[in-house]
């Protein structure tokens, strides 16, 4: 529901501890309260289930990270234009002048230029990835073919790789580093890294099918679909790969639903 994502745009422009974010959080809480009151009235208390989660967290702003009263981190600012220039320079040095990157497309190689110079995309990405890895604030890179970061980090990025719908490779920022942002959000923040501040989100199950309590096991939003399917005693979606959160369920899942994992990863 849009009312629950109202913090998305302001959170890019403000510190996470700002009064603006505090106000939006309180308003979101009121909206959820109104929703629960409506559901109680329409279906009766205990007559429905509710699941809540989030799509991502957010990094602290550079000012916030460097604040001597707070973290005092060596948070770096990565110039995205300089990053693209480094890619162009490295690939041009290897195979000749470009332009190698598609215009206004970020880290997406121009297929016609690759074809004209008989350069494989995999090779261009390797040269580009090694080049950006030398830039201050960049930990390394991830591509469908190769990565020079820990495997757990690489796998997190590869889950977002889909040919034709995203960059040909991902530069991996160092913790708390931020890319240069558009003028309208200068001094703001963003998301999209595998670090805890970006990836920890709430996962709330509410209703008579679930056991009330605070749970500290590691879970993922992908566990929602499989757990709800198990609670309904139906098969999960065909491509679902989350776990069934048995310990949070009041009634054990039917054997027909499968074991703890609905599907192997």
Protein backbone atom coordinates (compact mmCIF):
# COMPACT_ATOMS: atom_id res chain seq x y z
CA UNK A 1 0.00 0.00 0.00
CA UNK A 2 1.39 3.42 -0.96
CA UNK A 3 0.65 4.87 2.48
CA UNK A 4 3.22 2.52 3.97
CA UNK A 5 5.99 3.52 1.55
CA UNK A 6 5.69 7.26 2.14
CA UNK A 7 9.18 7.39 3.66
CA UNK A 8 10.90 6.26 0.46
CA UNK A 9 11.49 9.64 -1.16
CA UNK A 10 12.12 11.70 2.00
CA UNK A 11 14.55 9.08 3.32
CA UNK A 12 16.78 9.73 0.30
CA UNK A 13 16.92 13.41 1.20
CA UNK A 14 17.18 13.37 4.99
CA UNK A 15 19.19 11.82 7.76
CA UNK A 16 17.58 8.67 9.08
CA UNK A 17 17.29 10.32 12.50
CA UNK A 18 15.75 13.52 11.13
CA UNK A 19 12.47 15.01 12.37
CA UNK A 20 10.99 14.53 8.87
CA UNK A 21 11.56 10.76 9.00
CA UNK A 22 10.30 10.61 12.59
CA UNK A 23 7.07 12.35 11.55
CA UNK A 24 6.54 10.04 8.58
CA UNK A 25 7.18 6.98 10.78
CA UNK A 26 4.55 8.13 13.26
CA UNK A 27 2.07 8.79 10.43
CA UNK A 28 2.77 5.31 9.01
CA UNK A 29 2.12 3.82 12.42
CA UNK A 30 -1.24 5.63 12.55
CA UNK A 31 -2.11 4.34 9.07
CA UNK A 32 -1.40 0.76 10.15
CA UNK A 33 -3.52 1.30 13.26
CA UNK A 34 -6.40 2.48 11.07
CA UNK A 35 -6.00 -0.56 8.83
CA UNK A 36 -6.07 -2.92 11.82
CA UNK A 37 -9.15 -1.16 13.23
CA UNK A 38 -10.90 -1.56 9.88
CA UNK A 39 -9.98 -5.25 9.65
CA UNK A 40 -11.17 -5.83 13.22
CA UNK A 41 -14.49 -4.17 12.38
CA UNK A 42 -14.94 -5.87 9.00
CA UNK A 43 -13.72 -9.40 9.82
CA UNK A 44 -13.67 -9.44 13.61
CA UNK A 45 -10.63 -9.73 15.86
CA UNK A 46 -8.84 -12.96 15.07
CA UNK A 47 -10.68 -13.24 11.76
CA UNK A 48 -7.77 -12.44 9.46
CA UNK A 49 -4.04 -12.80 8.95
CA UNK A 50 -1.64 -9.98 8.21
CA UNK A 51 1.96 -10.06 6.97
CA UNK A 52 4.23 -7.02 6.89
CA UNK A 53 7.78 -6.63 5.63
CA UNK A 54 9.96 -4.16 3.72
CA UNK A 55 11.99 -4.12 0.52
CA UNK A 56 15.21 -2.59 1.86
CA UNK A 57 16.85 -0.41 4.49
CA UNK A 58 18.90 2.72 3.88
CA UNK A 59 22.47 3.88 4.42
CA UNK A 60 23.26 6.75 6.78
CA UNK A 61 24.14 9.98 5.00
CA UNK A 62 27.81 10.90 4.68
CA UNK A 63 27.31 13.67 7.23
CA UNK A 64 25.65 11.23 9.60
CA UNK A 65 28.42 8.63 9.20
CA UNK A 66 31.17 11.20 9.74
CA UNK A 67 29.45 12.95 12.64
CA UNK A 68 31.96 13.05 15.55
CA UNK A 69 29.02 12.78 17.95
CA UNK A 70 27.96 9.51 16.33
CA UNK A 71 29.85 6.88 14.35
CA UNK A 72 32.93 8.84 13.15
CA UNK A 73 33.24 6.55 10.14
CA UNK A 74 35.56 7.06 7.18
CA UNK A 75 32.59 7.08 4.81
CA UNK A 76 33.63 7.79 1.22
CA UNK A 77 31.90 9.53 -1.65
CA UNK A 78 32.17 7.73 -5.01
CA UNK A 79 31.89 9.93 -8.10
CA UNK A 80 29.74 7.94 -10.54
CA UNK A 81 30.87 10.02 -13.52
CA UNK A 82 34.51 9.32 -12.67
CA UNK A 83 33.61 5.64 -12.36
CA UNK A 84 32.12 5.58 -15.86
CA UNK A 85 35.12 7.48 -17.18
CA UNK A 86 37.44 4.86 -15.67
CA UNK A 87 35.51 2.13 -17.47
CA UNK A 88 35.74 3.95 -20.81
CA UNK A 89 39.47 4.55 -20.35
CA UNK A 90 40.30 0.98 -19.35
CA UNK A 91 38.35 -0.64 -22.18
CA UNK A 92 39.63 1.89 -24.74
CA UNK A 93 43.21 1.20 -23.68
CA UNK A 94 42.64 -2.49 -24.36
CA UNK A 95 40.57 -2.38 -27.56
CA UNK A 96 40.62 1.16 -28.90
CA UNK A 97 38.36 4.24 -28.68
CA UNK A 98 34.65 3.88 -27.99
CA UNK A 99 32.26 5.04 -26.75
CA UNK A 100 32.00 1.67 -25.01
CA UNK A 101 29.17 2.41 -22.62
CA UNK A 102 25.65 2.94 -23.93
CA UNK A 103 24.62 6.60 -23.66
CA UNK A 104 22.79 7.51 -20.45
CA UNK A 105 22.55 3.86 -19.45
CA UNK A 106 25.11 3.64 -16.64
CA UNK A 107 27.30 0.53 -16.65
CA UNK A 108 25.67 -1.03 -19.70
CA UNK A 109 27.94 -1.75 -22.64
CA UNK A 110 27.01 -0.64 -26.15
CA UNK A 111 26.38 -3.90 -27.99
CA UNK A 112 27.12 -2.38 -31.39
CA UNK A 113 30.54 -1.18 -30.23
CA UNK A 114 31.32 -4.60 -28.81
CA UNK A 115 30.26 -6.29 -32.04
CA UNK A 116 32.21 -3.86 -34.24
CA UNK A 117 35.40 -4.51 -32.28
CA UNK A 118 34.80 -8.26 -31.83
CA UNK A 119 34.91 -7.95 -28.05
CA UNK A 120 33.00 -10.37 -25.87
CA UNK A 121 30.82 -8.80 -23.19
CA UNK A 122 32.41 -11.06 -20.59
CA UNK A 123 35.90 -9.75 -21.46
CA UNK A 124 34.80 -6.10 -21.47
CA UNK A 125 33.18 -6.54 -18.06
CA UNK A 126 36.33 -8.14 -16.62
CA UNK A 127 38.53 -5.24 -17.77
CA UNK A 128 35.99 -2.67 -16.57
CA UNK A 129 35.49 -4.41 -13.22
CA UNK A 130 39.21 -4.50 -12.52
CA UNK A 131 39.43 -0.80 -13.37
CA UNK A 132 36.62 0.33 -11.06
CA UNK A 133 38.01 -1.83 -8.24
CA UNK A 134 40.95 0.61 -7.99
CA UNK A 135 38.67 3.59 -7.25
CA UNK A 136 38.51 4.83 -3.66
CA UNK A 137 35.28 3.69 -2.02
CA UNK A 138 34.84 0.66 -4.31
CA UNK A 139 35.37 -2.76 -2.72
CA UNK A 140 35.20 -4.72 -5.98
CA UNK A 141 32.69 -5.80 -8.60
CA UNK A 142 30.21 -8.56 -9.42
CA UNK A 143 29.18 -9.86 -12.83
CA UNK A 144 27.42 -13.01 -14.04
CA UNK A 145 30.82 -14.48 -14.91
CA UNK A 146 33.22 -13.28 -12.26
CA UNK A 147 33.51 -11.36 -9.00
CA UNK A 148 36.39 -10.20 -6.85
CA UNK A 149 34.46 -9.91 -3.58
CA UNK A 150 33.50 -12.60 -1.02
CA UNK A 151 31.12 -15.20 -2.43
CA UNK A 152 28.30 -14.33 -0.02
CA UNK A 153 28.44 -10.72 -1.21
CA UNK A 154 28.62 -11.78 -4.86
CA UNK A 155 25.58 -14.02 -4.47
CA UNK A 156 23.56 -11.17 -2.95
CA UNK A 157 24.20 -9.06 -6.06
CA UNK A 158 23.64 -11.93 -8.48
CA UNK A 159 20.12 -12.37 -7.16
CA UNK A 160 19.43 -8.95 -8.71
CA UNK A 161 21.11 -9.68 -12.04
CA UNK A 162 18.70 -10.10 -14.93
CA UNK A 163 20.02 -9.77 -18.49
CA UNK A 164 18.78 -6.63 -20.22
CA UNK A 165 17.16 -5.15 -17.13
CA UNK A 166 20.17 -3.88 -15.25
CA UNK A 167 23.86 -3.03 -15.53
CA UNK A 168 26.26 -5.52 -17.03
CA UNK A 169 28.13 -5.55 -13.74
CA UNK A 170 27.80 -4.09 -10.27
CA UNK A 171 30.55 -2.08 -8.55
CA UNK A 172 30.40 -3.02 -4.87
CA UNK A 173 30.69 -0.03 -2.57
CA UNK A 174 32.71 -0.19 0.62
CA UNK A 175 30.59 -0.13 3.80
CA UNK A 176 28.96 3.29 4.33
CA UNK A 177 30.34 4.68 1.04
CA UNK A 178 27.78 6.52 -1.08
CA UNK A 179 27.71 7.35 -4.79
CA UNK A 180 27.47 10.94 -5.97
CA UNK A 181 23.75 11.65 -5.97
CA UNK A 182 21.67 13.91 -8.24
CA UNK A 183 21.57 17.58 -7.31
CA UNK A 184 18.03 17.30 -5.95
CA UNK A 185 19.19 14.82 -3.29
CA UNK A 186 22.69 16.16 -2.75
CA UNK A 187 23.77 15.35 0.76
CA UNK A 188 21.17 12.57 0.93
CA UNK A 189 21.49 8.82 0.91
CA UNK A 190 20.44 5.70 -0.97
CA UNK A 191 20.37 1.90 -0.76
CA UNK A 192 21.36 -1.16 -2.75
CA UNK A 193 24.30 -2.75 -0.93
CA UNK A 194 24.51 -6.12 0.87
CA UNK A 195 25.34 -4.59 4.25
CA UNK A 196 23.14 -4.91 7.34
CA UNK A 197 21.93 -1.31 7.30
CA UNK A 198 20.58 -1.90 3.78
CA UNK A 199 19.25 -5.44 4.14
CA UNK A 200 17.67 -5.78 7.58
CA UNK A 201 13.90 -5.39 7.27
CA UNK A 202 11.01 -6.31 9.55
CA UNK A 203 9.09 -9.52 9.02
CA UNK A 204 5.81 -9.58 10.91
CA UNK A 205 3.17 -12.33 10.90
CA UNK A 206 -0.08 -11.56 12.68
CA UNK A 207 -3.19 -13.61 13.21
CA UNK A 208 -4.52 -16.84 14.76
CA UNK A 209 -2.35 -19.03 12.53
CA UNK A 210 0.82 -17.75 14.18
CA UNK A 211 2.38 -17.94 17.64
CA UNK A 212 2.96 -14.52 19.22
CA UNK A 213 6.54 -13.78 20.18
CA UNK A 214 9.85 -12.23 19.21
CA UNK A 215 12.03 -14.52 17.10
CA UNK A 216 15.72 -14.07 16.47
CA UNK A 217 16.36 -16.70 13.80
CA UNK A 218 17.64 -15.40 10.48
CA UNK A 219 14.73 -15.08 8.02
CA UNK A 220 14.13 -13.45 4.66
CA UNK A 221 11.14 -11.76 2.98
CA UNK A 222 11.09 -14.70 0.56
CA UNK A 223 10.00 -16.86 3.50
CA UNK A 224 6.63 -15.09 3.55
CA UNK A 225 5.12 -16.81 0.51
CA UNK A 226 6.11 -20.32 1.57
CA UNK A 227 5.02 -19.79 5.18
CA UNK A 228 1.62 -18.37 4.22
CA UNK A 229 1.13 -21.21 1.74
CA UNK A 230 1.92 -23.75 4.45
CA UNK A 231 -0.51 -22.04 6.85
CA UNK A 232 -3.20 -22.28 4.15
CA UNK A 233 -2.27 -25.93 3.48
CA UNK A 234 -1.68 -25.20 -0.20
CA UNK A 235 1.36 -25.62 -2.38
CA UNK A 236 3.64 -22.55 -2.58
CA UNK A 237 4.17 -20.63 -5.83
CA UNK A 238 6.20 -22.70 -8.28
CA UNK A 239 9.30 -20.50 -8.10
CA UNK A 240 9.17 -19.79 -4.36
CA UNK A 241 12.42 -20.70 -2.64
CA UNK A 242 11.87 -19.47 0.91
CA UNK A 243 11.64 -21.56 4.06
CA UNK A 244 8.50 -22.45 5.99
CA UNK A 245 8.87 -20.68 9.35
CA UNK A 246 7.53 -23.62 11.35
CA UNK A 247 8.43 -22.23 14.77
CA UNK A 248 6.14 -19.23 14.25
CA UNK A 249 3.12 -21.34 13.22
CA UNK A 250 0.44 -22.44 15.65
CA UNK A 251 -0.30 -25.61 13.68
CA UNK A 252 2.37 -27.74 12.06
CA UNK A 253 2.28 -27.62 8.23
CA UNK A 254 0.63 -30.52 6.45
CA UNK A 255 3.09 -33.23 5.29
CA UNK A 256 1.75 -32.64 1.78
CA UNK A 257 3.32 -29.19 1.82
CA UNK A 258 6.82 -30.58 2.16
CA UNK A 259 9.70 -30.30 4.59
CA UNK A 260 11.11 -27.17 6.23
CA UNK A 261 12.14 -25.81 2.86
CA UNK A 262 9.33 -25.75 0.36
CA UNK A 263 11.88 -25.97 -2.44
CA UNK A 264 15.62 -26.50 -2.34
CA UNK A 265 17.62 -23.35 -2.96
